[in-house]
Amino acid sequence: MRSFLIAVAFCTLPLQAQSLRGFSKLFQELAERVDTAVVQIVASAYGPTEQDGAVAFKTQRASGSGVVVDANGYIVTNAHVIGVARRVQVLVPEAVEVRARARSAIKPAGKLVTADVIGLDRETDIAVLKVEQKGLPFLAFGDSDEVAQGQLVFAFGSPFGLENSVSMGVVSSVARQVRPDDPMIYIQTDAAINPGNSGGPLVDSEGSIVGINTFILSRSGANAGVGFAVPSSIARNVYQQIVQHGAVRRGQIGVVAQTITPQIAKALELGQSWGVILSDVSPRSAAEAGGLRVKDVVLEFNGKVMENARQLGVNIYQTAGQTVTLKVLRGSETLEKRVAVLERPQDPDRIVSLASGRDNHVPKLGAMAIDLDVRVAPLLPPLRRLNGAVIAAAAQPLLTGDVVYEINNKPVQGLKDLNDAVAGMSHGDVAVALIERGGQLQFLEIEIE
């Protein structure tokens, strides 16, 4: 009997080996196909660095990864890979047939080309680039809503600048929130993600993009098996909006929503221990105009049951420019309210991308600034004045988005006036600036560099 079992075992070994070889071959083919659409990105920026206790502006280089999502040269990556770059280059892999002809284990390096930044969205950490090349291999977006815990996934990119790398792992969580009630969620994976992988694709076994690798949690700064990717459903939406509008349109109604916990339900004597409660309704907001109040429990949004604050936030974001119906519970009464969803002002951080380098440097203030003009005004709240200098990047106490109207009583109409106003001042002097920040005027004391 024992001999029979041993014989059976020996007979099955070749079949097992054959299965493993076939399994491995499938992964090889997947890697070869995906790899041709993955690019390395090199971004050069002119920005502040601390040197001997002072802020200096120098050219800085950073690298990351990206993935071609359209044969006409559109590339998706992370916004933080691009940062405030004034020059972005992409290392595009050689065509499939060229790589196939190469017999060496070291494949052709590819072609370094300049890329245009079509737009970026810091809230989701997604950016879109375009290179002037046609017929590029590309990957399609998959459906991240279909991703399951335990599913095999593959992370592609250039960790530590080592191009054309791939790692394998599983999906640890399909919807991980980094902060409670944050509208942003991530796919968590144990596939190795390291610095330089940012912006590369996380793909499923079919080679479809299910996420864009974004960041890791690690005490050492290197992979610890806890990596996060922007789900493809979010990345696809941001990509499409940036290509169509140059930016992401998000709705707002002027509320702060929180997920109901059993403790909140008990303390506030709510009619249910789950769902969404409004903890703030801004004065003169669309929500107030629509009749919403603090402590209203949101039951439905356009007929869809609301289970948590993130779900409500996402639905509001996606309906900019529409009028929506909210069903709310107020005490024991169920009400329906019609609310206009307004488009949220653009992210002031986009101002950074408008600064081109040395021409925008204000060395005495340790800042970069640009003229207040028609490019910049739509990125800021309604302003008190029509002329000024807008801070694009700076060290404290200045902030990105500050508008400088005066320096020591001297009017500032733009960047040139700002430089002229501080030109005669010496290191250690203090300039008093009249600025507008967040719709309010204030005097700001700034020590001259």
Protein backbone atom coordinates (compact mmCIF):
# COMPACT_ATOMS: atom_id res chain seq x y z
CA MET A 1 0.00 0.00 0.00
CA ARG A 2 2.84 2.34 0.98
CA SER A 3 4.64 1.62 -2.32
CA PHE A 4 1.45 2.40 -4.20
CA LEU A 5 1.15 5.80 -2.46
CA ILE A 6 4.82 6.60 -3.19
CA ALA A 7 4.31 5.66 -6.83
CA VAL A 8 1.26 7.90 -7.04
CA ALA A 9 3.21 10.74 -5.44
CA PHE A 10 6.06 10.37 -7.97
CA CYS A 11 3.58 10.26 -10.83
CA THR A 12 1.96 13.51 -9.70
CA LEU A 13 5.23 15.46 -9.24
CA PRO A 14 5.68 16.27 -12.94
CA LEU A 15 2.08 17.45 -13.10
CA GLN A 16 2.61 19.71 -10.10
CA ALA A 17 5.84 21.06 -11.56
CA GLN A 18 4.09 21.63 -14.86
CA SER A 19 1.31 23.51 -13.09
CA LEU A 20 3.82 25.69 -11.23
CA ARG A 21 5.67 26.41 -14.46
CA GLY A 22 2.41 27.34 -16.12
CA PHE A 23 1.47 29.52 -13.15
CA SER A 24 4.87 31.24 -13.30
CA LYS A 25 4.63 31.67 -17.07
CA LEU A 26 1.33 33.49 -16.71
CA PHE A 27 2.92 35.95 -14.29
CA GLN A 28 5.87 36.45 -16.63
CA GLU A 29 3.56 37.25 -19.53
CA LEU A 30 1.56 39.62 -17.32
CA ALA A 31 4.72 41.44 -16.21
CA GLU A 32 5.99 41.77 -19.79
CA ARG A 33 2.67 43.16 -20.99
CA VAL A 34 2.19 45.62 -18.12
CA ASP A 35 5.80 46.75 -18.04
CA THR A 36 5.59 48.36 -21.48
CA ALA A 37 2.98 50.84 -20.18
CA VAL A 38 4.82 51.77 -16.96
CA VAL A 39 7.07 54.84 -17.05
CA GLN A 40 9.64 56.45 -14.81
CA ILE A 41 9.12 60.15 -14.07
CA VAL A 42 11.81 62.71 -13.26
CA ALA A 43 10.58 66.07 -11.96
CA SER A 44 12.78 69.15 -11.50
CA ALA A 45 11.57 71.94 -9.23
CA TYR A 46 12.89 75.24 -7.94
CA GLY A 47 11.91 75.51 -4.31
CA PRO A 48 12.88 76.32 -0.73
CA THR A 49 15.39 74.23 1.24
CA GLU A 50 16.77 74.90 4.69
CA GLN A 51 20.51 75.58 4.73
CA ASP A 52 22.46 76.69 7.83
CA GLY A 53 19.23 77.76 9.49
CA ALA A 54 18.16 79.92 6.54
CA VAL A 55 15.80 79.23 3.66
CA ALA A 56 17.48 78.98 0.25
CA PHE A 57 15.94 78.26 -3.13
CA LYS A 58 17.59 75.55 -5.23
CA THR A 59 16.77 73.22 -8.10
CA GLN A 60 15.56 69.89 -6.69
CA ARG A 61 14.97 66.60 -8.50
CA ALA A 62 12.53 63.87 -7.59
CA SER A 63 11.59 60.64 -9.31
CA GLY A 64 8.56 58.40 -9.28
CA SER A 65 6.47 56.21 -11.52
CA GLY A 66 3.48 56.54 -13.80
CA VAL A 67 1.28 54.50 -16.11
CA VAL A 68 0.17 55.22 -19.68
CA VAL A 69 -3.64 55.06 -19.81
CA ASP A 70 -4.18 56.23 -23.38
CA ALA A 71 -2.28 55.40 -26.58
CA ASN A 72 -2.11 59.13 -27.36
CA GLY A 73 0.31 59.77 -24.50
CA TYR A 74 -1.80 60.44 -21.40
CA ILE A 75 -0.10 59.29 -18.20
CA VAL A 76 -1.48 59.02 -14.66
CA THR A 77 0.80 59.43 -11.65
CA ASN A 78 0.72 60.91 -8.13
CA ALA A 79 0.45 64.66 -7.61
CA HIS A 80 3.24 64.51 -5.02
CA VAL A 81 5.59 63.04 -7.64
CA ILE A 82 5.11 66.19 -9.72
CA GLY A 83 5.08 68.55 -6.72
CA VAL A 84 5.88 72.06 -7.92
CA ALA A 85 8.00 70.87 -10.85
CA ARG A 86 8.84 73.33 -13.59
CA ARG A 87 10.17 70.53 -15.78
CA VAL A 88 8.86 66.98 -16.02
CA GLN A 89 10.49 64.23 -18.06
CA VAL A 90 9.23 60.72 -18.66
CA LEU A 91 11.30 57.65 -19.47
CA VAL A 92 9.08 55.85 -21.97
CA PRO A 93 9.95 52.14 -22.51
CA GLU A 94 11.00 51.03 -25.97
CA ALA A 95 8.34 49.47 -28.20
CA VAL A 96 7.49 45.82 -27.60
CA GLU A 97 9.17 44.66 -30.81
CA VAL A 98 12.41 46.49 -29.90
CA ARG A 99 12.48 44.92 -26.44
CA ALA A 100 11.72 41.50 -27.94
CA ARG A 101 14.77 41.73 -30.23
CA ALA A 102 17.08 42.39 -27.28
CA ARG A 103 18.76 39.16 -26.19
CA SER A 104 20.55 40.64 -23.18
CA ALA A 105 18.91 40.43 -19.75
CA ILE A 106 19.38 44.21 -19.60
CA LYS A 107 16.67 45.66 -21.81
CA PRO A 108 16.97 48.94 -23.78
CA ALA A 109 16.60 51.90 -21.43
CA GLY A 110 13.87 53.63 -23.38
CA LYS A 111 13.48 57.25 -24.42
CA LEU A 112 13.49 60.30 -22.10
CA VAL A 113 10.89 62.80 -23.30
CA THR A 114 9.44 66.02 -21.92
CA ALA A 115 5.90 65.84 -20.54
CA ASP A 116 3.25 68.50 -20.10
CA VAL A 117 1.37 68.64 -16.80
CA ILE A 118 -2.30 68.61 -17.82
CA GLY A 119 -3.49 68.99 -14.24
CA LEU A 120 -3.23 67.63 -10.73
CA ASP A 121 -5.51 67.06 -7.78
CA ARG A 122 -3.81 67.15 -4.39
CA GLU A 123 -6.85 65.89 -2.50
CA THR A 124 -6.67 62.50 -4.23
CA ASP A 125 -2.94 62.81 -5.00
CA ILE A 126 -3.51 62.17 -8.72
CA ALA A 127 -1.84 64.01 -11.60
CA VAL A 128 -2.16 63.70 -15.37
CA LEU A 129 0.74 64.18 -17.79
CA LYS A 130 0.90 64.08 -21.57
CA VAL A 131 3.78 63.24 -23.88
CA GLU A 132 3.76 63.97 -27.60
CA GLN A 133 3.89 60.36 -28.74
CA LYS A 134 1.27 58.21 -30.41
CA GLY A 135 0.55 54.51 -30.39
CA LEU A 136 1.95 53.90 -26.91
CA PRO A 137 1.15 50.65 -25.06
CA PHE A 138 -1.36 51.46 -22.34
CA LEU A 139 -3.34 49.84 -19.55
CA ALA A 140 -7.09 50.06 -18.99
CA PHE A 141 -8.68 50.99 -15.69
CA GLY A 142 -10.30 48.05 -13.92
CA ASP A 143 -13.19 48.23 -11.47
CA SER A 144 -11.82 48.68 -7.95
CA ASP A 145 -15.33 48.12 -6.57
CA GLU A 146 -14.92 44.48 -7.62
CA VAL A 147 -11.59 44.04 -5.79
CA ALA A 148 -11.78 41.56 -2.90
CA GLN A 149 -9.71 41.06 0.22
CA GLY A 150 -7.09 38.35 -0.37
CA GLN A 151 -7.03 38.92 -4.14
CA LEU A 152 -3.62 38.70 -5.85
CA VAL A 153 -2.27 42.05 -7.07
CA PHE A 154 0.99 43.29 -8.60
CA ALA A 155 2.73 46.63 -7.96
CA PHE A 156 4.79 48.09 -10.82
CA GLY A 157 7.15 51.04 -10.78
CA SER A 158 10.67 52.27 -10.11
CA PRO A 159 11.44 51.85 -6.39
CA PHE A 160 14.54 53.83 -5.38
CA GLY A 161 14.90 54.73 -9.09
CA LEU A 162 15.24 51.07 -10.12
CA GLU A 163 13.05 51.09 -13.22
CA ASN A 164 10.85 48.23 -14.41
CA SER A 165 10.35 46.54 -11.05
CA VAL A 166 7.40 44.38 -10.05
CA SER A 167 6.27 42.92 -6.73
CA MET A 168 3.39 40.61 -5.87
CA GLY A 169 1.03 40.55 -2.92
CA VAL A 170 -2.57 40.42 -1.84
CA VAL A 171 -5.23 42.99 -1.10
CA SER A 172 -5.18 43.47 2.67
CA SER A 173 -8.19 45.81 2.75
CA VAL A 174 -10.45 47.07 -0.02
CA ALA A 175 -11.39 50.38 1.63
CA ARG A 176 -8.97 51.73 4.21
CA GLN A 177 -9.55 55.20 5.68
CA VAL A 178 -6.46 56.90 7.05
CA ARG A 179 -8.52 59.41 9.06
CA PRO A 180 -12.08 58.93 10.39
CA ASP A 181 -14.77 60.34 8.07
CA ASP A 182 -12.11 61.21 5.47
CA PRO A 183 -13.83 61.07 2.05
CA MET A 184 -10.65 59.51 0.67
CA ILE A 185 -10.20 55.73 0.89
CA TYR A 186 -7.37 53.46 -0.26
CA ILE A 187 -6.73 49.87 -1.25
CA GLN A 188 -4.28 48.41 1.26
CA THR A 189 -1.82 45.79 -0.02
CA ASP A 190 1.23 43.89 1.19
CA ALA A 191 2.80 43.99 -2.29
CA ALA A 192 6.17 45.71 -1.78
CA ILE A 193 5.84 49.48 -2.36
CA ASN A 194 8.90 51.66 -1.75
CA PRO A 195 9.94 55.26 -2.46
CA GLY A 196 9.90 55.63 -6.26
CA ASN A 197 6.91 53.29 -6.66
CA SER A 198 4.59 56.25 -6.14
CA GLY A 199 2.37 56.79 -9.16
CA GLY A 200 2.87 53.31 -10.58
CA PRO A 201 -0.06 50.96 -11.18
CA LEU A 202 -1.41 48.28 -8.90
CA VAL A 203 -2.86 45.72 -11.30
CA ASP A 204 -4.97 42.59 -11.01
CA SER A 205 -4.24 39.21 -12.60
CA GLU A 206 -5.75 40.45 -15.88
CA GLY A 207 -3.35 43.40 -16.05
CA SER A 208 -6.05 46.00 -15.42
CA ILE A 209 -5.33 48.99 -13.17
CA VAL A 210 -7.12 48.59 -9.84
CA GLY A 211 -5.14 51.29 -8.04
CA ILE A 212 -2.38 53.89 -8.25
CA ASN A 213 0.38 53.19 -5.68
CA THR A 214 0.57 56.20 -3.39
CA PHE A 215 2.18 55.78 0.04
CA ILE A 216 3.25 53.34 2.75
CA LEU A 217 3.15 53.13 6.53
CA SER A 218 6.62 52.33 7.80
CA ARG A 219 8.86 53.16 10.75
CA SER A 220 11.97 52.84 8.59
CA GLY A 221 10.73 54.58 5.43
CA ALA A 222 11.00 51.34 3.44
CA ASN A 223 8.39 48.70 2.71
CA ALA A 224 6.85 47.10 5.80
CA GLY A 225 4.00 45.30 4.05
CA VAL A 226 1.50 48.13 4.54
CA GLY A 227 1.09 49.97 1.26
CA PHE A 228 -1.80 52.05 -0.05
CA ALA A 229 -3.13 52.74 -3.54
CA VAL A 230 -5.79 55.16 -4.79
CA PRO A 231 -8.66 52.94 -6.03
CA SER A 232 -9.09 52.93 -9.80
CA SER A 233 -12.68 54.16 -9.50
CA ILE A 234 -11.36 57.39 -7.95
CA ALA A 235 -8.28 57.65 -10.18
CA ARG A 236 -10.35 57.17 -13.35
CA ASN A 237 -12.84 59.87 -12.34
CA VAL A 238 -10.06 62.36 -11.51
CA TYR A 239 -8.23 61.54 -14.76
CA GLN A 240 -11.34 62.07 -16.86
CA GLN A 241 -12.18 65.39 -15.16
CA ILE A 242 -8.64 66.72 -15.49
CA VAL A 243 -8.51 65.84 -19.20
CA GLN A 244 -11.94 67.43 -19.75
CA HIS A 245 -11.81 70.45 -17.42
CA GLY A 246 -8.16 70.82 -16.36
CA ALA A 247 -9.22 70.31 -12.74
CA VAL A 248 -11.58 68.29 -10.57
CA ARG A 249 -15.01 69.78 -9.92
CA ARG A 250 -16.27 69.08 -6.41
CA GLY A 251 -19.58 70.00 -4.88
CA GLN A 252 -20.22 71.51 -1.48
CA ILE A 253 -23.33 72.50 0.46
CA GLY A 254 -21.77 73.91 3.63
CA VAL A 255 -22.15 71.14 6.18
CA VAL A 256 -19.93 69.10 8.46
CA ALA A 257 -21.15 65.52 8.58
CA GLN A 258 -20.11 62.82 11.05
CA THR A 259 -20.74 59.10 11.20
CA ILE A 260 -23.12 58.29 14.06
CA THR A 261 -21.56 56.14 16.78
CA PRO A 262 -23.53 54.34 19.52
CA GLN A 263 -22.22 56.91 22.01
CA ILE A 264 -23.43 59.86 19.90
CA ALA A 265 -26.80 58.18 19.36
CA LYS A 266 -27.24 57.58 23.08
CA ALA A 267 -26.10 61.03 24.22
CA LEU A 268 -28.19 62.92 21.64
CA GLU A 269 -31.17 60.55 21.97
CA LEU A 270 -31.28 59.90 18.24
CA GLY A 271 -33.79 57.61 16.63
CA GLN A 272 -31.05 55.34 15.23
CA SER A 273 -27.51 54.33 16.20
CA TRP A 274 -26.02 54.37 12.69
CA GLY A 275 -25.86 56.72 9.70
CA VAL A 276 -24.90 60.38 9.35
CA ILE A 277 -25.51 63.40 11.55
CA LEU A 278 -24.87 67.06 10.66
CA SER A 279 -22.66 68.65 13.32
CA ASP A 280 -22.48 72.01 11.52
CA VAL A 281 -24.46 73.95 8.94
CA SER A 282 -22.59 77.04 7.77
CA PRO A 283 -24.41 80.38 7.87
CA ARG A 284 -25.57 81.63 4.46
CA SER A 285 -24.69 78.29 2.90
CA ALA A 286 -26.68 76.24 0.38
CA ALA A 287 -27.51 73.80 3.19
CA GLU A 288 -28.99 76.55 5.36
CA ALA A 289 -30.93 77.92 2.38
CA GLY A 290 -32.29 74.42 1.79
CA GLY A 291 -33.55 74.14 5.37
CA LEU A 292 -30.98 71.79 6.89
CA ARG A 293 -30.12 72.14 10.60
CA VAL A 294 -27.47 70.98 13.04
CA LYS A 295 -28.35 67.52 14.48
CA ASP A 296 -30.35 66.53 11.41
CA VAL A 297 -29.78 62.84 10.67
CA VAL A 298 -29.33 62.31 6.93
CA LEU A 299 -31.23 59.18 5.92
CA GLU A 300 -31.03 59.38 2.13
CA PHE A 301 -29.30 61.34 -0.63
CA ASN A 302 -31.26 61.32 -3.91
CA GLY A 303 -32.97 58.14 -2.74
CA LYS A 304 -29.74 56.38 -1.71
CA VAL A 305 -29.43 55.31 1.92
CA MET A 306 -26.54 57.08 3.68
CA GLU A 307 -24.59 54.77 5.99
CA ASN A 308 -21.60 56.94 6.91
CA ALA A 309 -20.18 60.45 6.56
CA ARG A 310 -17.71 59.51 3.84
CA GLN A 311 -20.54 58.21 1.66
CA LEU A 312 -22.44 61.49 2.04
CA GLY A 313 -19.30 63.52 1.28
CA VAL A 314 -18.56 61.56 -1.89
CA ASN A 315 -22.12 62.00 -3.14
CA ILE A 316 -21.98 65.75 -2.51
CA TYR A 317 -18.60 65.97 -4.29
CA GLN A 318 -19.98 64.24 -7.36
CA THR A 319 -23.07 66.41 -7.83
CA ALA A 320 -21.57 69.89 -8.31
CA GLY A 321 -24.03 72.16 -10.09
CA GLN A 322 -27.08 69.97 -9.35
CA THR A 323 -30.02 70.29 -6.99
CA VAL A 324 -30.38 67.20 -4.80
CA THR A 325 -32.95 65.78 -2.40
CA LEU A 326 -31.99 64.85 1.16
CA LYS A 327 -34.28 62.89 3.44
CA VAL A 328 -33.51 63.78 7.06
CA LEU A 329 -34.71 62.73 10.49
CA ARG A 330 -35.29 65.69 12.83
CA GLY A 331 -36.39 64.45 16.20
CA SER A 332 -39.21 62.07 15.37
CA GLU A 333 -40.12 63.82 12.11
CA THR A 334 -38.93 62.71 8.66
CA LEU A 335 -38.45 65.58 6.19
CA GLU A 336 -37.33 66.01 2.58
CA LYS A 337 -35.11 68.99 1.71
CA ARG A 338 -34.01 70.23 -1.72
CA VAL A 339 -30.45 71.63 -1.68
CA ALA A 340 -28.36 73.22 -4.45
CA VAL A 341 -24.85 71.74 -4.62
CA LEU A 342 -22.36 74.51 -5.39
CA GLU A 343 -18.97 73.95 -6.99
CA ARG A 344 -16.21 74.16 -4.43
CA PRO A 345 -13.47 76.76 -5.09
CA GLN A 346 -10.34 75.35 -6.65
CA ASP A 347 -7.46 74.17 -4.48
CA PRO A 348 -5.13 77.17 -3.79
CA ASP A 349 -2.19 74.76 -3.93
CA ARG A 350 -2.62 74.78 -7.71
CA ILE A 351 -1.09 78.27 -7.57
CA VAL A 352 2.25 76.57 -6.95
CA SER A 353 2.25 75.09 -10.45
CA LEU A 354 2.02 78.60 -11.96
CA ALA A 355 5.40 79.68 -10.54
CA SER A 356 8.15 79.01 -13.10
CA GLY A 357 11.31 79.32 -10.99
CA ARG A 358 13.90 82.09 -10.72
CA ASP A 359 11.61 84.65 -12.34
CA ASN A 360 9.21 84.21 -9.43
CA HIS A 361 11.83 84.24 -6.66
CA VAL A 362 11.54 86.90 -3.93
CA PRO A 363 14.81 86.14 -2.09
CA LYS A 364 14.38 88.77 0.64
CA LEU A 365 11.16 87.08 1.76
CA GLY A 366 12.29 83.51 1.13
CA ALA A 367 9.27 83.09 -1.14
CA MET A 368 8.05 82.56 -4.66
CA ALA A 369 5.24 84.80 -5.89
CA ILE A 370 3.18 85.52 -9.00
CA ASP A 371 1.04 88.40 -10.24
CA LEU A 372 -2.61 88.38 -9.28
CA ASP A 373 -4.24 87.94 -12.68
CA VAL A 374 -7.00 86.06 -14.49
CA ARG A 375 -5.09 82.75 -14.17
CA VAL A 376 -4.86 83.01 -10.40
CA ALA A 377 -8.05 84.75 -9.27
CA PRO A 378 -10.34 81.73 -9.91
CA LEU A 379 -8.13 79.64 -7.59
CA LEU A 380 -8.77 81.95 -4.62
CA PRO A 381 -11.83 83.00 -2.61
CA PRO A 382 -13.41 86.34 -3.66
CA LEU A 383 -10.77 89.04 -3.06
CA ARG A 384 -10.97 92.60 -1.74
CA ARG A 385 -8.68 94.04 -4.43
CA LEU A 386 -7.90 93.38 -8.08
CA ASN A 387 -4.11 93.78 -7.95
CA GLY A 388 -1.44 92.26 -5.75
CA ALA A 389 1.23 89.56 -5.50
CA VAL A 390 0.14 86.01 -4.70
CA ILE A 391 2.46 83.79 -2.67
CA ALA A 392 3.07 80.49 -4.49
CA ALA A 393 5.57 78.94 -2.07
CA ALA A 394 7.19 80.22 1.11
CA ALA A 395 8.35 79.53 4.62
CA GLN A 396 6.36 80.69 7.64
CA PRO A 397 4.78 83.10 8.35
CA LEU A 398 3.70 83.42 4.69
CA LEU A 399 1.41 80.72 3.27
CA THR A 400 0.57 79.59 -0.26
CA GLY A 401 -2.43 81.63 -1.42
CA ASP A 402 -1.65 84.74 0.63
CA VAL A 403 -2.19 87.92 -1.41
CA VAL A 404 0.21 90.77 -0.58
CA TYR A 405 -1.28 94.24 -1.11
CA GLU A 406 1.27 96.40 0.72
CA ILE A 407 4.78 96.24 2.22
CA ASN A 408 5.57 98.94 4.81
CA ASN A 409 2.79 101.16 3.39
CA LYS A 410 4.12 100.74 -0.18
CA PRO A 411 1.42 99.51 -2.59
CA VAL A 412 2.14 96.12 -4.21
CA GLN A 413 0.49 95.75 -7.61
CA GLY A 414 2.36 92.59 -8.56
CA LEU A 415 5.56 90.56 -8.31
CA LYS A 416 7.87 93.41 -9.43
CA ASP A 417 6.48 95.79 -6.81
CA LEU A 418 6.93 93.10 -4.15
CA ASN A 419 10.63 92.69 -4.99
CA ASP A 420 11.12 96.46 -5.22
CA ALA A 421 9.45 97.05 -1.83
CA VAL A 422 11.97 94.88 0.01
CA ALA A 423 15.03 95.52 -2.18
CA GLY A 424 16.58 98.08 0.17
CA MET A 425 16.02 96.06 3.34
CA SER A 426 18.75 94.08 5.10
CA HIS A 427 18.94 90.65 6.72
CA GLY A 428 17.14 90.73 10.06
CA ASP A 429 14.94 93.72 9.22
CA VAL A 430 11.20 93.24 9.67
CA ALA A 431 8.75 94.06 6.89
CA VAL A 432 5.09 94.59 7.74
CA ALA A 433 2.86 93.29 4.96
CA LEU A 434 -0.84 93.89 4.46
CA ILE A 435 -2.15 90.58 3.16
CA GLU A 436 -5.44 88.88 2.47
CA ARG A 437 -5.73 85.31 3.73
CA GLY A 438 -8.91 83.26 3.55
CA GLY A 439 -10.98 86.36 2.72
CA GLN A 440 -9.66 88.41 5.66
CA LEU A 441 -7.14 91.27 5.73
CA GLN A 442 -4.30 91.20 8.26
CA PHE A 443 -0.90 92.69 8.98
CA LEU A 444 1.95 90.19 8.89
CA GLU A 445 5.44 90.72 10.28
CA ILE A 446 8.08 89.07 8.06
CA GLU A 447 11.78 88.90 8.89
CA ILE A 448 13.95 89.68 5.89
CA GLU A 449 16.33 86.92 4.76
